[in-house]
Amino acid sequence: MARGTPGSKRAHTVSVRLNDEERQRWDEARVASGRKELGAWVRAVVEDVLDGQGNGAAPGAERRPPQLDPVNQAAYDELCRIGANLNQLVRYSHQDGTLHPAIEAALFEVGNAALALRGIEPMDPADPE
């Protein structure tokens, strides 16, 4: 899973001091949520509170897209394979640090098709990061 949101760089740090008991409780809650990093868990818990999420899951639990039916999963897997192959072509096609616009457009189309299958909003080709 990609970290963060495309086009949104995290540039601010928030520090919180905890005593031993608080740290232990936070770590136990983080483990129960399935998250590996404390910072990611804290961010998710705060975002859940701000978004009014009360879906019954552990606070800060990772939210994954719903599982696909076999036909769509096969299509998604194939799009990922095609995307990986295109990525290899891109690597070999770089000349003087430039990327041919047709290859870039094809990469975005395959990527957006894969995102659409997962129910995730497609990226804007004008704003790749």
N, C-alpha and C. Protein backbone atom coordinates (compact mmCIF):
# COMPACT_ATOMS: atom_id res chain seq x y z
N MET A 1 0.84 -1.17 0.00
CA MET A 1 0.00 0.00 0.00
C MET A 1 0.90 1.25 0.00
N ALA A 2 0.53 2.19 -0.81
CA ALA A 2 1.26 3.43 -0.85
C ALA A 2 1.06 4.20 0.41
N ARG A 3 2.11 4.88 0.78
CA ARG A 3 2.03 5.68 1.99
C ARG A 3 1.56 7.08 1.64
N GLY A 4 0.72 7.64 2.49
CA GLY A 4 0.28 9.01 2.30
C GLY A 4 -0.69 9.15 1.15
N THR A 5 -0.95 10.39 0.80
CA THR A 5 -1.86 10.71 -0.28
C THR A 5 -1.08 11.35 -1.40
N PRO A 6 -1.26 10.87 -2.65
CA PRO A 6 -0.53 11.49 -3.75
C PRO A 6 -0.79 13.00 -3.79
N GLY A 7 0.26 13.77 -3.97
CA GLY A 7 0.14 15.22 -4.06
C GLY A 7 0.09 15.91 -2.70
N SER A 8 0.25 15.17 -1.63
CA SER A 8 0.15 15.75 -0.30
C SER A 8 1.38 15.34 0.52
N LYS A 9 2.37 16.22 0.57
CA LYS A 9 3.59 15.92 1.32
C LYS A 9 3.41 16.33 2.78
N ARG A 10 3.77 15.43 3.66
CA ARG A 10 3.69 15.74 5.09
C ARG A 10 4.97 16.46 5.49
N ALA A 11 4.82 17.71 5.92
CA ALA A 11 5.99 18.53 6.23
C ALA A 11 5.99 19.03 7.67
N HIS A 12 5.02 18.63 8.47
CA HIS A 12 4.92 19.12 9.84
C HIS A 12 5.05 17.96 10.82
N THR A 13 5.70 18.23 11.94
CA THR A 13 5.90 17.23 12.98
C THR A 13 5.17 17.67 14.23
N VAL A 14 4.49 16.73 14.88
CA VAL A 14 3.81 17.00 16.15
C VAL A 14 4.41 16.04 17.17
N SER A 15 4.91 16.57 18.27
CA SER A 15 5.51 15.74 19.31
C SER A 15 4.57 15.66 20.50
N VAL A 16 4.47 14.48 21.07
CA VAL A 16 3.63 14.26 22.25
C VAL A 16 4.46 13.49 23.26
N ARG A 17 4.51 13.99 24.49
CA ARG A 17 5.26 13.29 25.54
C ARG A 17 4.28 12.38 26.28
N LEU A 18 4.72 11.14 26.51
CA LEU A 18 3.90 10.14 27.19
C LEU A 18 4.66 9.58 28.38
N ASN A 19 3.90 9.19 29.42
CA ASN A 19 4.55 8.45 30.50
C ASN A 19 4.54 6.97 30.11
N ASP A 20 5.16 6.14 30.92
CA ASP A 20 5.29 4.71 30.59
C ASP A 20 3.93 4.04 30.41
N GLU A 21 2.97 4.34 31.30
CA GLU A 21 1.65 3.72 31.21
C GLU A 21 0.91 4.14 29.95
N GLU A 22 0.99 5.42 29.62
CA GLU A 22 0.34 5.90 28.40
C GLU A 22 0.96 5.23 27.15
N ARG A 23 2.27 5.17 27.13
CA ARG A 23 2.95 4.55 25.99
C ARG A 23 2.53 3.09 25.84
N GLN A 24 2.43 2.38 26.94
CA GLN A 24 2.02 0.98 26.89
C GLN A 24 0.59 0.85 26.36
N ARG A 25 -0.33 1.69 26.85
CA ARG A 25 -1.73 1.65 26.38
C ARG A 25 -1.80 1.97 24.90
N TRP A 26 -1.05 2.99 24.45
CA TRP A 26 -1.06 3.36 23.04
C TRP A 26 -0.52 2.22 22.18
N ASP A 27 0.57 1.60 22.63
CA ASP A 27 1.15 0.49 21.86
C ASP A 27 0.18 -0.69 21.79
N GLU A 28 -0.49 -0.99 22.88
CA GLU A 28 -1.46 -2.09 22.87
C GLU A 28 -2.61 -1.79 21.91
N ALA A 29 -3.09 -0.55 21.91
CA ALA A 29 -4.17 -0.16 21.00
C ALA A 29 -3.69 -0.19 19.55
N ARG A 30 -2.45 0.22 19.32
CA ARG A 30 -1.89 0.20 17.97
C ARG A 30 -1.82 -1.23 17.46
N VAL A 31 -1.33 -2.15 18.30
CA VAL A 31 -1.23 -3.56 17.91
C VAL A 31 -2.63 -4.11 17.60
N ALA A 32 -3.61 -3.78 18.43
CA ALA A 32 -4.98 -4.25 18.22
C ALA A 32 -5.56 -3.73 16.91
N SER A 33 -5.10 -2.57 16.47
CA SER A 33 -5.61 -1.98 15.23
C SER A 33 -4.99 -2.61 13.98
N GLY A 34 -3.88 -3.30 14.16
CA GLY A 34 -3.19 -3.89 13.01
C GLY A 34 -2.14 -2.99 12.39
N ARG A 35 -1.96 -1.81 12.93
CA ARG A 35 -0.95 -0.89 12.40
C ARG A 35 0.42 -1.23 12.96
N LYS A 36 1.46 -0.96 12.15
CA LYS A 36 2.83 -1.27 12.57
C LYS A 36 3.53 -0.07 13.17
N GLU A 37 3.15 1.12 12.78
CA GLU A 37 3.85 2.33 13.22
C GLU A 37 2.95 3.15 14.14
N LEU A 38 3.51 3.61 15.25
CA LEU A 38 2.74 4.39 16.20
C LEU A 38 2.26 5.70 15.58
N GLY A 39 3.12 6.36 14.83
CA GLY A 39 2.73 7.64 14.21
C GLY A 39 1.56 7.48 13.26
N ALA A 40 1.58 6.41 12.45
CA ALA A 40 0.49 6.15 11.52
C ALA A 40 -0.80 5.86 12.29
N TRP A 41 -0.69 5.14 13.40
CA TRP A 41 -1.86 4.83 14.21
C TRP A 41 -2.44 6.11 14.82
N VAL A 42 -1.58 6.96 15.38
CA VAL A 42 -2.06 8.21 15.99
C VAL A 42 -2.76 9.06 14.94
N ARG A 43 -2.14 9.20 13.75
CA ARG A 43 -2.74 9.99 12.67
C ARG A 43 -4.11 9.43 12.31
N ALA A 44 -4.22 8.09 12.20
CA ALA A 44 -5.48 7.46 11.82
C ALA A 44 -6.55 7.66 12.89
N VAL A 45 -6.17 7.55 14.16
CA VAL A 45 -7.15 7.74 15.25
C VAL A 45 -7.68 9.17 15.21
N VAL A 46 -6.80 10.14 15.07
CA VAL A 46 -7.23 11.54 15.03
C VAL A 46 -8.12 11.78 13.82
N GLU A 47 -7.73 11.26 12.66
CA GLU A 47 -8.54 11.44 11.45
C GLU A 47 -9.91 10.77 11.61
N ASP A 48 -9.95 9.59 12.24
CA ASP A 48 -11.23 8.92 12.49
C ASP A 48 -12.14 9.80 13.35
N VAL A 49 -11.58 10.40 14.39
CA VAL A 49 -12.36 11.27 15.27
C VAL A 49 -12.86 12.50 14.49
N LEU A 50 -11.97 13.11 13.72
CA LEU A 50 -12.36 14.30 12.96
C LEU A 50 -13.39 13.99 11.88
N ASP A 51 -13.30 12.79 11.30
CA ASP A 51 -14.24 12.39 10.25
C ASP A 51 -15.52 11.80 10.81
N GLY A 52 -15.59 11.63 12.14
CA GLY A 52 -16.78 11.05 12.77
C GLY A 52 -16.95 9.58 12.46
N GLN A 53 -15.83 8.87 12.26
CA GLN A 53 -15.90 7.44 11.94
C GLN A 53 -16.26 6.66 13.20
N GLY A 54 -17.35 5.95 13.13
CA GLY A 54 -17.74 5.07 14.22
C GLY A 54 -18.15 3.73 13.64
N ASN A 55 -17.29 3.15 12.83
CA ASN A 55 -17.65 1.95 12.08
C ASN A 55 -17.47 0.66 12.86
N GLY A 56 -17.20 0.74 14.14
CA GLY A 56 -17.07 -0.47 14.95
C GLY A 56 -15.69 -1.09 14.93
N ALA A 57 -14.83 -0.67 14.04
CA ALA A 57 -13.47 -1.21 13.98
C ALA A 57 -12.65 -0.59 15.10
N ALA A 58 -11.50 -1.22 15.38
CA ALA A 58 -10.59 -0.66 16.38
C ALA A 58 -10.19 0.74 15.96
N PRO A 59 -10.08 1.68 16.90
CA PRO A 59 -9.68 3.04 16.54
C PRO A 59 -8.35 3.05 15.80
N GLY A 60 -8.32 3.71 14.68
CA GLY A 60 -7.09 3.82 13.91
C GLY A 60 -6.79 2.61 13.05
N ALA A 61 -7.72 1.65 12.98
CA ALA A 61 -7.48 0.44 12.18
C ALA A 61 -7.36 0.81 10.71
N GLU A 62 -6.52 0.06 10.01
CA GLU A 62 -6.36 0.30 8.58
C GLU A 62 -7.66 -0.02 7.87
N ARG A 63 -8.01 0.85 6.92
CA ARG A 63 -9.19 0.61 6.10
C ARG A 63 -8.72 0.19 4.73
N ARG A 64 -9.08 -0.98 4.35
CA ARG A 64 -8.68 -1.50 3.04
C ARG A 64 -9.90 -1.48 2.12
N PRO A 65 -9.64 -1.35 0.81
CA PRO A 65 -10.77 -1.42 -0.12
C PRO A 65 -11.46 -2.78 0.00
N PRO A 66 -12.75 -2.84 -0.32
CA PRO A 66 -13.44 -4.13 -0.24
C PRO A 66 -12.81 -5.14 -1.19
N GLN A 67 -12.91 -6.42 -0.82
CA GLN A 67 -12.35 -7.47 -1.64
C GLN A 67 -13.12 -7.54 -2.96
N LEU A 68 -12.40 -7.77 -4.05
CA LEU A 68 -13.01 -7.83 -5.37
C LEU A 68 -13.54 -9.23 -5.67
N ASP A 69 -14.55 -9.28 -6.54
CA ASP A 69 -15.00 -10.58 -7.02
C ASP A 69 -13.91 -11.15 -7.93
N PRO A 70 -13.91 -12.45 -8.19
CA PRO A 70 -12.81 -13.07 -8.95
C PRO A 70 -12.54 -12.45 -10.32
N VAL A 71 -13.58 -12.06 -11.04
CA VAL A 71 -13.38 -11.48 -12.37
C VAL A 71 -12.66 -10.14 -12.26
N ASN A 72 -13.14 -9.27 -11.38
CA ASN A 72 -12.48 -7.97 -11.21
C ASN A 72 -11.09 -8.12 -10.60
N GLN A 73 -10.89 -9.11 -9.72
CA GLN A 73 -9.57 -9.33 -9.15
C GLN A 73 -8.60 -9.74 -10.24
N ALA A 74 -9.04 -10.59 -11.16
CA ALA A 74 -8.20 -11.02 -12.28
C ALA A 74 -7.86 -9.81 -13.17
N ALA A 75 -8.86 -8.95 -13.40
CA ALA A 75 -8.61 -7.75 -14.21
C ALA A 75 -7.63 -6.82 -13.51
N TYR A 76 -7.79 -6.67 -12.20
CA TYR A 76 -6.89 -5.83 -11.42
C TYR A 76 -5.47 -6.37 -11.46
N ASP A 77 -5.33 -7.68 -11.27
CA ASP A 77 -4.00 -8.31 -11.30
C ASP A 77 -3.35 -8.11 -12.67
N GLU A 78 -4.14 -8.25 -13.73
CA GLU A 78 -3.61 -8.07 -15.08
C GLU A 78 -3.18 -6.62 -15.30
N LEU A 79 -3.99 -5.66 -14.82
CA LEU A 79 -3.61 -4.25 -14.94
C LEU A 79 -2.32 -3.97 -14.19
N CYS A 80 -2.16 -4.58 -13.02
CA CYS A 80 -0.92 -4.39 -12.26
C CYS A 80 0.27 -4.96 -13.03
N ARG A 81 0.09 -6.13 -13.66
CA ARG A 81 1.16 -6.73 -14.45
C ARG A 81 1.51 -5.84 -15.65
N ILE A 82 0.48 -5.33 -16.33
CA ILE A 82 0.70 -4.45 -17.48
C ILE A 82 1.42 -3.18 -17.01
N GLY A 83 0.98 -2.65 -15.88
CA GLY A 83 1.63 -1.44 -15.35
C GLY A 83 3.09 -1.68 -15.03
N ALA A 84 3.40 -2.84 -14.46
CA ALA A 84 4.79 -3.16 -14.15
C ALA A 84 5.62 -3.26 -15.43
N ASN A 85 5.03 -3.89 -16.47
CA ASN A 85 5.73 -3.98 -17.75
C ASN A 85 5.95 -2.60 -18.36
N LEU A 86 4.94 -1.75 -18.28
CA LEU A 86 5.10 -0.38 -18.79
C LEU A 86 6.18 0.37 -18.02
N ASN A 87 6.21 0.12 -16.72
CA ASN A 87 7.23 0.77 -15.90
C ASN A 87 8.62 0.36 -16.35
N GLN A 88 8.79 -0.92 -16.69
CA GLN A 88 10.08 -1.38 -17.21
C GLN A 88 10.41 -0.68 -18.52
N LEU A 89 9.41 -0.54 -19.40
CA LEU A 89 9.62 0.17 -20.66
C LEU A 89 10.04 1.62 -20.41
N VAL A 90 9.41 2.24 -19.43
CA VAL A 90 9.76 3.62 -19.09
C VAL A 90 11.21 3.70 -18.68
N ARG A 91 11.62 2.76 -17.85
CA ARG A 91 13.00 2.77 -17.36
C ARG A 91 13.99 2.68 -18.52
N TYR A 92 13.67 1.85 -19.50
CA TYR A 92 14.56 1.68 -20.64
C TYR A 92 14.43 2.78 -21.67
N SER A 93 13.33 3.52 -21.65
CA SER A 93 13.09 4.52 -22.69
C SER A 93 13.55 5.93 -22.33
N HIS A 94 13.96 6.14 -21.08
CA HIS A 94 14.41 7.48 -20.69
C HIS A 94 15.62 7.87 -21.53
N GLN A 95 15.48 9.02 -22.18
CA GLN A 95 16.59 9.57 -22.94
C GLN A 95 16.76 11.01 -22.51
N ASP A 96 17.94 11.32 -22.05
CA ASP A 96 18.23 12.68 -21.58
C ASP A 96 17.28 13.11 -20.47
N GLY A 97 16.83 12.17 -19.67
CA GLY A 97 15.97 12.51 -18.53
C GLY A 97 14.55 12.85 -18.89
N THR A 98 14.15 12.63 -20.15
CA THR A 98 12.77 12.95 -20.54
C THR A 98 11.99 11.66 -20.78
N LEU A 99 10.71 11.75 -20.61
CA LEU A 99 9.81 10.62 -20.79
C LEU A 99 8.87 10.95 -21.94
N HIS A 100 8.73 10.03 -22.87
CA HIS A 100 7.84 10.27 -24.00
C HIS A 100 6.42 10.43 -23.48
N PRO A 101 5.70 11.47 -23.94
CA PRO A 101 4.35 11.72 -23.43
C PRO A 101 3.38 10.55 -23.63
N ALA A 102 3.54 9.79 -24.72
CA ALA A 102 2.63 8.67 -24.96
C ALA A 102 2.82 7.58 -23.90
N ILE A 103 4.05 7.35 -23.49
CA ILE A 103 4.31 6.34 -22.45
C ILE A 103 3.75 6.83 -21.12
N GLU A 104 3.96 8.09 -20.82
CA GLU A 104 3.43 8.64 -19.57
C GLU A 104 1.91 8.54 -19.54
N ALA A 105 1.27 8.86 -20.66
CA ALA A 105 -0.19 8.79 -20.73
C ALA A 105 -0.67 7.35 -20.55
N ALA A 106 0.04 6.39 -21.15
CA ALA A 106 -0.34 4.98 -21.01
C ALA A 106 -0.22 4.53 -19.56
N LEU A 107 0.84 4.95 -18.89
CA LEU A 107 1.02 4.60 -17.47
C LEU A 107 -0.15 5.13 -16.64
N PHE A 108 -0.55 6.37 -16.88
CA PHE A 108 -1.66 6.95 -16.13
C PHE A 108 -2.96 6.21 -16.42
N GLU A 109 -3.20 5.83 -17.67
CA GLU A 109 -4.43 5.12 -18.02
C GLU A 109 -4.51 3.77 -17.31
N VAL A 110 -3.42 3.02 -17.33
CA VAL A 110 -3.40 1.71 -16.66
C VAL A 110 -3.57 1.90 -15.16
N GLY A 111 -2.84 2.85 -14.59
CA GLY A 111 -2.95 3.10 -13.15
C GLY A 111 -4.35 3.52 -12.75
N ASN A 112 -4.97 4.39 -13.52
CA ASN A 112 -6.32 4.84 -13.20
C ASN A 112 -7.35 3.72 -13.36
N ALA A 113 -7.14 2.84 -14.35
CA ALA A 113 -8.04 1.69 -14.50
C ALA A 113 -7.96 0.78 -13.29
N ALA A 114 -6.75 0.56 -12.79
CA ALA A 114 -6.57 -0.28 -11.59
C ALA A 114 -7.21 0.39 -10.38
N LEU A 115 -7.03 1.69 -10.24
CA LEU A 115 -7.65 2.40 -9.12
C LEU A 115 -9.17 2.32 -9.20
N ALA A 116 -9.72 2.49 -10.40
CA ALA A 116 -11.18 2.45 -10.57
C ALA A 116 -11.73 1.08 -10.17
N LEU A 117 -11.02 0.00 -10.52
CA LEU A 117 -11.46 -1.34 -10.13
C LEU A 117 -11.51 -1.48 -8.62
N ARG A 118 -10.60 -0.81 -7.91
CA ARG A 118 -10.56 -0.89 -6.45
C ARG A 118 -11.53 0.09 -5.80
N GLY A 119 -12.19 0.93 -6.62
CA GLY A 119 -13.12 1.92 -6.07
C GLY A 119 -12.41 3.13 -5.50
N ILE A 120 -11.20 3.40 -5.99
CA ILE A 120 -10.40 4.53 -5.52
C ILE A 120 -10.41 5.60 -6.60
N GLU A 121 -10.51 6.85 -6.19
CA GLU A 121 -10.57 7.96 -7.14
C GLU A 121 -9.30 8.02 -7.99
N PRO A 122 -9.45 8.11 -9.32
CA PRO A 122 -8.28 8.17 -10.20
C PRO A 122 -7.45 9.42 -9.97
N MET A 123 -6.18 9.32 -10.34
CA MET A 123 -5.26 10.46 -10.22
C MET A 123 -5.44 11.37 -11.43
N ASP A 124 -5.15 12.63 -11.26
CA ASP A 124 -5.18 13.62 -12.33
C ASP A 124 -3.83 13.62 -13.03
N PRO A 125 -3.78 13.35 -14.36
CA PRO A 125 -2.50 13.32 -15.05
C PRO A 125 -1.73 14.65 -14.97
N ALA A 126 -2.44 15.74 -14.73
CA ALA A 126 -1.78 17.05 -14.62
C ALA A 126 -1.09 17.21 -13.27
N ASP A 127 -1.42 16.34 -12.31
CA ASP A 127 -0.85 16.45 -10.97
C ASP A 127 -0.38 15.07 -10.51
N PRO A 128 0.73 14.54 -11.08
CA PRO A 128 1.17 13.18 -10.75
C PRO A 128 1.62 13.00 -9.33
N GLU A 129 2.05 14.00 -8.63
CA GLU A 129 2.48 13.86 -7.23
C GLU A 129 1.82 14.91 -6.45
